[in-house]
Amino acid sequence: MGPASQAQLNMENILIPLHPPPLDGLIVLGARLNREGKPGRVARLRLVHALELWREYYLDKYILITGGITGRASISEARAMAHWALDWLESQGGAEIRERLSPFLILEEASRNTAASALNTLPLIKSLELQEVGLVSDSLHIRRACYLFRRHFAPHRIHIHPLPVPGLLRHYWRQRRYLWLGKMALREGGAWLKVLGQHALGRRDRGSK
């Protein structure tokens, strides 16, 4: 099977599970911080989804949070999200559950986009010897994220399982945030074109050798 056929197969196999599968850990993709340097709505929704899954199904499994410093922020997305996650968990279940999560939080603070997150989390996942990993993002972003992560992780026999945040797009639609939805769709479409263009360029370079 050629690279193009394999890429198409990978994209078609991005299925959303009805029930969370057995996993060794979770990866939560970073998202934009607000002006106060705290996680914005998308980041918070991703975190709440991951934390609820962790409490229900994956207690004492690792949670890796990705995201570097972007814009004028003085803190990385990953670190700001980790602080928020611990505070939220304590508000829901007390100091004990916060302390239980703390040693299982791993931060990847160098990435500024999804492709870099896939590349930079791979050595962390390998060092932790994880093989079945859940990937948490919103439903608009999850397919491209899975495609990128699987390209890096599959050769190492590390399996990525999509765990999309439910209801995000529906929430913004009900709030009549149509402009926001349009911008997100355009941004995601542009990101897909970039990914596929790079893939085609890589195929051409390999074919010319």
C-alpha atoms as a PDB file:
ATOM      1  CA  MET A   1       0.000   0.000   0.000  1.00  0.00           C
ATOM      2  CA  GLY A   2       1.439   3.391  -1.040  1.00  0.00           C
ATOM      3  CA  PRO A   3       1.762   6.441   1.233  1.00  0.00           C
ATOM      4  CA  ALA A   4      -1.293   8.134  -0.274  1.00  0.00           C
ATOM      5  CA  SER A   5      -3.470   5.060   0.189  1.00  0.00           C
ATOM      6  CA  GLN A   6      -2.187   4.630   3.733  1.00  0.00           C
ATOM      7  CA  ALA A   7      -2.959   8.263   4.562  1.00  0.00           C
ATOM      8  CA  GLN A   8      -6.483   7.886   3.188  1.00  0.00           C
ATOM      9  CA  LEU A   9      -6.966   4.713   5.242  1.00  0.00           C
ATOM     10  CA  ASN A  10      -5.788   6.487   8.378  1.00  0.00           C
ATOM     11  CA  MET A  11      -8.246   9.331   7.813  1.00  0.00           C
ATOM     12  CA  GLU A  12     -11.144   6.973   7.172  1.00  0.00           C
ATOM     13  CA  ASN A  13     -10.363   4.994  10.338  1.00  0.00           C
ATOM     14  CA  ILE A  14     -10.799   7.989  12.647  1.00  0.00           C
ATOM     15  CA  LEU A  15     -13.933   6.721  14.374  1.00  0.00           C
ATOM     16  CA  ILE A  16     -15.551   8.212  17.450  1.00  0.00           C
ATOM     17  CA  PRO A  17     -16.022   5.460  20.086  1.00  0.00           C
ATOM     18  CA  LEU A  18     -19.359   5.029  21.808  1.00  0.00           C
ATOM     19  CA  HIS A  19     -17.626   3.953  25.015  1.00  0.00           C
ATOM     20  CA  PRO A  20     -14.139   4.927  26.179  1.00  0.00           C
ATOM     21  CA  PRO A  21     -11.631   2.146  25.393  1.00  0.00           C
ATOM     22  CA  PRO A  22      -9.005   0.789  27.812  1.00  0.00           C
ATOM     23  CA  LEU A  23      -6.174   3.338  27.788  1.00  0.00           C
ATOM     24  CA  ASP A  24      -2.760   3.881  29.346  1.00  0.00           C
ATOM     25  CA  GLY A  25      -3.094   7.666  29.355  1.00  0.00           C
ATOM     26  CA  LEU A  26      -4.636  10.806  27.852  1.00  0.00           C
ATOM     27  CA  ILE A  27      -3.287  13.667  25.778  1.00  0.00           C
ATOM     28  CA  VAL A  28      -5.142  16.985  26.053  1.00  0.00           C
ATOM     29  CA  LEU A  29      -4.356  19.389  23.233  1.00  0.00           C
ATOM     30  CA  GLY A  30      -3.702  22.973  24.217  1.00  0.00           C
ATOM     31  CA  ALA A  31      -5.915  25.885  23.208  1.00  0.00           C
ATOM     32  CA  ARG A  32      -5.749  29.655  23.356  1.00  0.00           C
ATOM     33  CA  LEU A  33      -5.467  31.447  26.687  1.00  0.00           C
ATOM     34  CA  ASN A  34      -7.536  34.530  27.471  1.00  0.00           C
ATOM     35  CA  ARG A  35      -6.177  38.007  28.169  1.00  0.00           C
ATOM     36  CA  GLU A  36      -5.601  37.117  31.818  1.00  0.00           C
ATOM     37  CA  GLY A  37      -3.364  34.215  30.819  1.00  0.00           C
ATOM     38  CA  LYS A  38      -5.932  31.598  31.813  1.00  0.00           C
ATOM     39  CA  PRO A  39      -7.521  28.871  29.682  1.00  0.00           C
ATOM     40  CA  GLY A  40     -10.257  30.104  27.351  1.00  0.00           C
ATOM     41  CA  ARG A  41     -13.588  28.368  26.828  1.00  0.00           C
ATOM     42  CA  VAL A  42     -12.291  25.773  24.356  1.00  0.00           C
ATOM     43  CA  ALA A  43      -9.359  24.862  26.606  1.00  0.00           C
ATOM     44  CA  ARG A  44     -11.645  24.569  29.645  1.00  0.00           C
ATOM     45  CA  LEU A  45     -14.083  22.326  27.811  1.00  0.00           C
ATOM     46  CA  ARG A  46     -11.262  20.059  26.698  1.00  0.00           C
ATOM     47  CA  LEU A  47      -9.963  19.866  30.251  1.00  0.00           C
ATOM     48  CA  VAL A  48     -13.320  19.153  31.855  1.00  0.00           C
ATOM     49  CA  HIS A  49     -13.954  16.374  29.334  1.00  0.00           C
ATOM     50  CA  ALA A  50     -10.537  14.829  30.022  1.00  0.00           C
ATOM     51  CA  LEU A  51     -10.853  15.148  33.795  1.00  0.00           C
ATOM     52  CA  GLU A  52     -14.296  13.587  33.864  1.00  0.00           C
ATOM     53  CA  LEU A  53     -13.003  10.670  31.782  1.00  0.00           C
ATOM     54  CA  TRP A  54      -9.987  10.367  34.067  1.00  0.00           C
ATOM     55  CA  ARG A  55     -12.110  10.225  37.222  1.00  0.00           C
ATOM     56  CA  GLU A  56     -14.583   7.754  35.730  1.00  0.00           C
ATOM     57  CA  TYR A  57     -12.382   5.407  33.706  1.00  0.00           C
ATOM     58  CA  TYR A  58      -8.673   6.212  33.919  1.00  0.00           C
ATOM     59  CA  LEU A  59      -7.860   7.026  37.525  1.00  0.00           C
ATOM     60  CA  ASP A  60      -4.095   6.897  38.115  1.00  0.00           C
ATOM     61  CA  LYS A  61      -3.339   7.081  34.388  1.00  0.00           C
ATOM     62  CA  TYR A  62      -1.193   9.874  32.996  1.00  0.00           C
ATOM     63  CA  ILE A  63      -2.631  13.066  31.509  1.00  0.00           C
ATOM     64  CA  LEU A  64      -0.303  14.890  29.137  1.00  0.00           C
ATOM     65  CA  ILE A  65      -1.205  18.502  28.364  1.00  0.00           C
ATOM     66  CA  THR A  66       0.391  20.147  25.350  1.00  0.00           C
ATOM     67  CA  GLY A  67       0.882  23.767  24.350  1.00  0.00           C
ATOM     68  CA  GLY A  68       3.675  26.310  24.462  1.00  0.00           C
ATOM     69  CA  ILE A  69       3.752  30.072  24.925  1.00  0.00           C
ATOM     70  CA  THR A  70       1.823  31.905  22.213  1.00  0.00           C
ATOM     71  CA  GLY A  71       1.156  35.562  21.518  1.00  0.00           C
ATOM     72  CA  ARG A  72       1.932  37.853  24.447  1.00  0.00           C
ATOM     73  CA  ALA A  73       1.273  35.275  27.137  1.00  0.00           C
ATOM     74  CA  SER A  74       3.826  34.881  29.920  1.00  0.00           C
ATOM     75  CA  ILE A  75       2.862  31.269  30.615  1.00  0.00           C
ATOM     76  CA  SER A  76       2.509  28.247  28.369  1.00  0.00           C
ATOM     77  CA  GLU A  77      -0.906  26.904  27.432  1.00  0.00           C
ATOM     78  CA  ALA A  78       0.018  23.582  29.042  1.00  0.00           C
ATOM     79  CA  ARG A  79       1.017  25.112  32.376  1.00  0.00           C
ATOM     80  CA  ALA A  80      -2.003  27.417  32.558  1.00  0.00           C
ATOM     81  CA  MET A  81      -4.281  24.493  31.718  1.00  0.00           C
ATOM     82  CA  ALA A  82      -2.638  22.306  34.354  1.00  0.00           C
ATOM     83  CA  HIS A  83      -3.163  24.949  37.063  1.00  0.00           C
ATOM     84  CA  TRP A  84      -6.803  25.297  36.033  1.00  0.00           C
ATOM     85  CA  ALA A  85      -7.299  21.517  35.927  1.00  0.00           C
ATOM     86  CA  LEU A  86      -6.026  21.032  39.468  1.00  0.00           C
ATOM     87  CA  ASP A  87      -8.171  23.873  40.794  1.00  0.00           C
ATOM     88  CA  TRP A  88     -11.268  22.576  39.002  1.00  0.00           C
ATOM     89  CA  LEU A  89     -10.726  19.048  40.237  1.00  0.00           C
ATOM     90  CA  GLU A  90     -10.346  20.263  43.807  1.00  0.00           C
ATOM     91  CA  SER A  91     -13.582  22.254  43.502  1.00  0.00           C
ATOM     92  CA  GLN A  92     -15.362  19.085  42.419  1.00  0.00           C
ATOM     93  CA  GLY A  93     -13.865  16.539  44.795  1.00  0.00           C
ATOM     94  CA  GLY A  94     -11.644  18.184  47.368  1.00  0.00           C
ATOM     95  CA  ALA A  95      -7.908  18.348  48.001  1.00  0.00           C
ATOM     96  CA  GLU A  96      -7.503  14.570  47.980  1.00  0.00           C
ATOM     97  CA  ILE A  97      -8.448  14.135  44.322  1.00  0.00           C
ATOM     98  CA  ARG A  98      -6.254  17.104  43.410  1.00  0.00           C
ATOM     99  CA  GLU A  99      -3.278  15.478  45.093  1.00  0.00           C
ATOM    100  CA  ARG A 100      -4.073  12.210  43.374  1.00  0.00           C
ATOM    101  CA  LEU A 101      -3.909  13.791  39.919  1.00  0.00           C
ATOM    102  CA  SER A 102      -0.856  15.981  40.498  1.00  0.00           C
ATOM    103  CA  PRO A 103       1.864  13.312  40.013  1.00  0.00           C
ATOM    104  CA  PHE A 104       0.148  12.067  36.848  1.00  0.00           C
ATOM    105  CA  LEU A 105       0.163  15.437  35.063  1.00  0.00           C
ATOM    106  CA  ILE A 106       2.868  15.733  32.395  1.00  0.00           C
ATOM    107  CA  LEU A 107       3.388  19.029  30.542  1.00  0.00           C
ATOM    108  CA  GLU A 108       4.707  19.527  27.017  1.00  0.00           C
ATOM    109  CA  GLU A 109       5.433  23.256  26.747  1.00  0.00           C
ATOM    110  CA  ALA A 110       7.319  23.666  23.465  1.00  0.00           C
ATOM    111  CA  SER A 111       4.580  23.214  20.868  1.00  0.00           C
ATOM    112  CA  ARG A 112       2.773  26.055  19.132  1.00  0.00           C
ATOM    113  CA  ASN A 113       0.596  23.991  16.784  1.00  0.00           C
ATOM    114  CA  THR A 114      -0.918  20.527  16.473  1.00  0.00           C
ATOM    115  CA  ALA A 115       1.830  19.083  14.300  1.00  0.00           C
ATOM    116  CA  ALA A 116       4.462  20.143  16.825  1.00  0.00           C
ATOM    117  CA  SER A 117       2.381  18.660  19.648  1.00  0.00           C
ATOM    118  CA  ALA A 118       2.376  15.296  17.876  1.00  0.00           C
ATOM    119  CA  LEU A 119       6.135  15.430  17.359  1.00  0.00           C
ATOM    120  CA  ASN A 120       6.987  16.653  20.861  1.00  0.00           C
ATOM    121  CA  THR A 121       4.720  14.334  22.836  1.00  0.00           C
ATOM    122  CA  LEU A 122       6.052  11.204  21.152  1.00  0.00           C
ATOM    123  CA  PRO A 123       9.260  10.953  23.240  1.00  0.00           C
ATOM    124  CA  LEU A 124       7.249  11.571  26.420  1.00  0.00           C
ATOM    125  CA  ILE A 125       4.801   8.807  25.556  1.00  0.00           C
ATOM    126  CA  LYS A 126       7.676   6.450  24.721  1.00  0.00           C
ATOM    127  CA  SER A 127       9.483   7.247  27.980  1.00  0.00           C
ATOM    128  CA  LEU A 128       6.310   6.434  29.923  1.00  0.00           C
ATOM    129  CA  GLU A 129       5.902   3.210  27.892  1.00  0.00           C
ATOM    130  CA  LEU A 130       2.298   3.984  26.963  1.00  0.00           C
ATOM    131  CA  GLN A 131       0.755   2.133  24.022  1.00  0.00           C
ATOM    132  CA  GLU A 132      -2.965   2.968  24.078  1.00  0.00           C
ATOM    133  CA  VAL A 133      -3.482   6.720  24.335  1.00  0.00           C
ATOM    134  CA  GLY A 134      -6.634   8.844  24.227  1.00  0.00           C
ATOM    135  CA  LEU A 135      -6.506  12.166  22.372  1.00  0.00           C
ATOM    136  CA  VAL A 136      -8.788  14.924  23.690  1.00  0.00           C
ATOM    137  CA  SER A 137      -9.815  17.868  21.542  1.00  0.00           C
ATOM    138  CA  ASP A 138     -13.002  19.420  20.197  1.00  0.00           C
ATOM    139  CA  SER A 139     -15.002  17.748  17.441  1.00  0.00           C
ATOM    140  CA  LEU A 140     -13.944  20.250  14.765  1.00  0.00           C
ATOM    141  CA  HIS A 141     -10.259  19.671  15.429  1.00  0.00           C
ATOM    142  CA  ILE A 142     -10.112  15.999  16.397  1.00  0.00           C
ATOM    143  CA  ARG A 143      -9.856  14.435  12.926  1.00  0.00           C
ATOM    144  CA  ARG A 144      -6.862  16.480  11.834  1.00  0.00           C
ATOM    145  CA  ALA A 145      -5.251  15.985  15.231  1.00  0.00           C
ATOM    146  CA  CYS A 146      -5.679  12.219  15.012  1.00  0.00           C
ATOM    147  CA  TYR A 147      -4.285  12.178  11.494  1.00  0.00           C
ATOM    148  CA  LEU A 148      -1.155  14.048  12.582  1.00  0.00           C
ATOM    149  CA  PHE A 149      -0.628  12.055  15.775  1.00  0.00           C
ATOM    150  CA  ARG A 150      -1.109   8.730  14.057  1.00  0.00           C
ATOM    151  CA  ARG A 151       1.465   9.606  11.411  1.00  0.00           C
ATOM    152  CA  HIS A 152       4.072  10.013  14.166  1.00  0.00           C
ATOM    153  CA  PHE A 153       2.881   7.381  16.611  1.00  0.00           C
ATOM    154  CA  ALA A 154       1.880   4.448  14.375  1.00  0.00           C
ATOM    155  CA  PRO A 155       5.468   3.481  13.404  1.00  0.00           C
ATOM    156  CA  HIS A 156       6.165   3.028  17.122  1.00  0.00           C
ATOM    157  CA  ARG A 157       3.077   0.852  17.626  1.00  0.00           C
ATOM    158  CA  ILE A 158       1.411   3.464  19.795  1.00  0.00           C
ATOM    159  CA  HIS A 159      -2.326   3.627  19.176  1.00  0.00           C
ATOM    160  CA  ILE A 160      -4.270   6.893  19.279  1.00  0.00           C
ATOM    161  CA  HIS A 161      -7.960   6.905  20.253  1.00  0.00           C
ATOM    162  CA  PRO A 162     -10.057  10.050  19.576  1.00  0.00           C
ATOM    163  CA  LEU A 163     -12.018  11.381  22.555  1.00  0.00           C
ATOM    164  CA  PRO A 164     -13.777  14.511  21.221  1.00  0.00           C
ATOM    165  CA  VAL A 165     -15.416  17.025  23.515  1.00  0.00           C
ATOM    166  CA  PRO A 166     -19.177  16.627  23.076  1.00  0.00           C
ATOM    167  CA  GLY A 167     -21.488  19.529  22.369  1.00  0.00           C
ATOM    168  CA  LEU A 168     -18.978  22.302  21.651  1.00  0.00           C
ATOM    169  CA  LEU A 169     -20.245  23.203  18.188  1.00  0.00           C
ATOM    170  CA  ARG A 170     -23.858  22.821  19.286  1.00  0.00           C
ATOM    171  CA  HIS A 171     -23.206  25.187  22.191  1.00  0.00           C
ATOM    172  CA  TYR A 172     -21.841  27.920  19.947  1.00  0.00           C
ATOM    173  CA  TRP A 173     -24.643  27.389  17.438  1.00  0.00           C
ATOM    174  CA  ARG A 174     -27.263  27.820  20.145  1.00  0.00           C
ATOM    175  CA  GLN A 175     -25.455  30.938  21.351  1.00  0.00           C
ATOM    176  CA  ARG A 176     -25.646  32.243  17.770  1.00  0.00           C
ATOM    177  CA  ARG A 177     -21.890  32.591  17.600  1.00  0.00           C
ATOM    178  CA  TYR A 178     -22.018  32.114  13.856  1.00  0.00           C
ATOM    179  CA  LEU A 179     -19.013  34.325  13.135  1.00  0.00           C
ATOM    180  CA  TRP A 180     -16.886  32.336  15.572  1.00  0.00           C
ATOM    181  CA  LEU A 181     -18.014  29.070  13.988  1.00  0.00           C
ATOM    182  CA  GLY A 182     -17.243  30.397  10.531  1.00  0.00           C
ATOM    183  CA  LYS A 183     -13.768  31.532  11.546  1.00  0.00           C
ATOM    184  CA  MET A 184     -13.048  28.180  13.184  1.00  0.00           C
ATOM    185  CA  ALA A 185     -14.219  26.266  10.123  1.00  0.00           C
ATOM    186  CA  LEU A 186     -12.088  28.418   7.798  1.00  0.00           C
ATOM    187  CA  ARG A 187      -9.075  28.060  10.053  1.00  0.00           C
ATOM    188  CA  GLU A 188      -9.472  24.308  10.246  1.00  0.00           C
ATOM    189  CA  GLY A 189      -9.948  24.048   6.491  1.00  0.00           C
ATOM    190  CA  GLY A 190      -6.777  26.057   5.917  1.00  0.00           C
ATOM    191  CA  ALA A 191      -4.881  23.855   8.354  1.00  0.00           C
ATOM    192  CA  TRP A 192      -6.049  20.743   6.495  1.00  0.00           C
ATOM    193  CA  LEU A 193      -4.839  22.201   3.186  1.00  0.00           C
ATOM    194  CA  LYS A 194      -1.434  22.854   4.743  1.00  0.00           C
ATOM    195  CA  VAL A 195      -1.209  19.315   6.118  1.00  0.00           C
ATOM    196  CA  LEU A 196      -2.226  17.699   2.840  1.00  0.00           C
ATOM    197  CA  GLY A 197       0.110  19.985   0.893  1.00  0.00           C
ATOM    198  CA  GLN A 198       3.035  18.971   3.068  1.00  0.00           C
ATOM    199  CA  HIS A 199       2.079  15.326   2.640  1.00  0.00           C
ATOM    200  CA  ALA A 200       1.982  15.699  -1.156  1.00  0.00           C
ATOM    201  CA  LEU A 201       5.346  17.507  -1.117  1.00  0.00           C
ATOM    202  CA  GLY A 202       6.855  14.704   0.944  1.00  0.00           C
ATOM    203  CA  ARG A 203       5.591  12.123  -1.539  1.00  0.00           C
ATOM    204  CA  ARG A 204       7.081  14.084  -4.429  1.00  0.00           C
ATOM    205  CA  ASP A 205      10.449  14.367  -2.693  1.00  0.00           C
ATOM    206  CA  ARG A 206      10.494  10.639  -1.954  1.00  0.00           C
ATOM    207  CA  GLY A 207       9.540   9.852  -5.549  1.00  0.00           C
ATOM    208  CA  SER A 208      12.378  11.966  -6.948  1.00  0.00           C
ATOM    209  CA  LYS A 209      15.061  10.089  -5.036  1.00  0.00           C
END
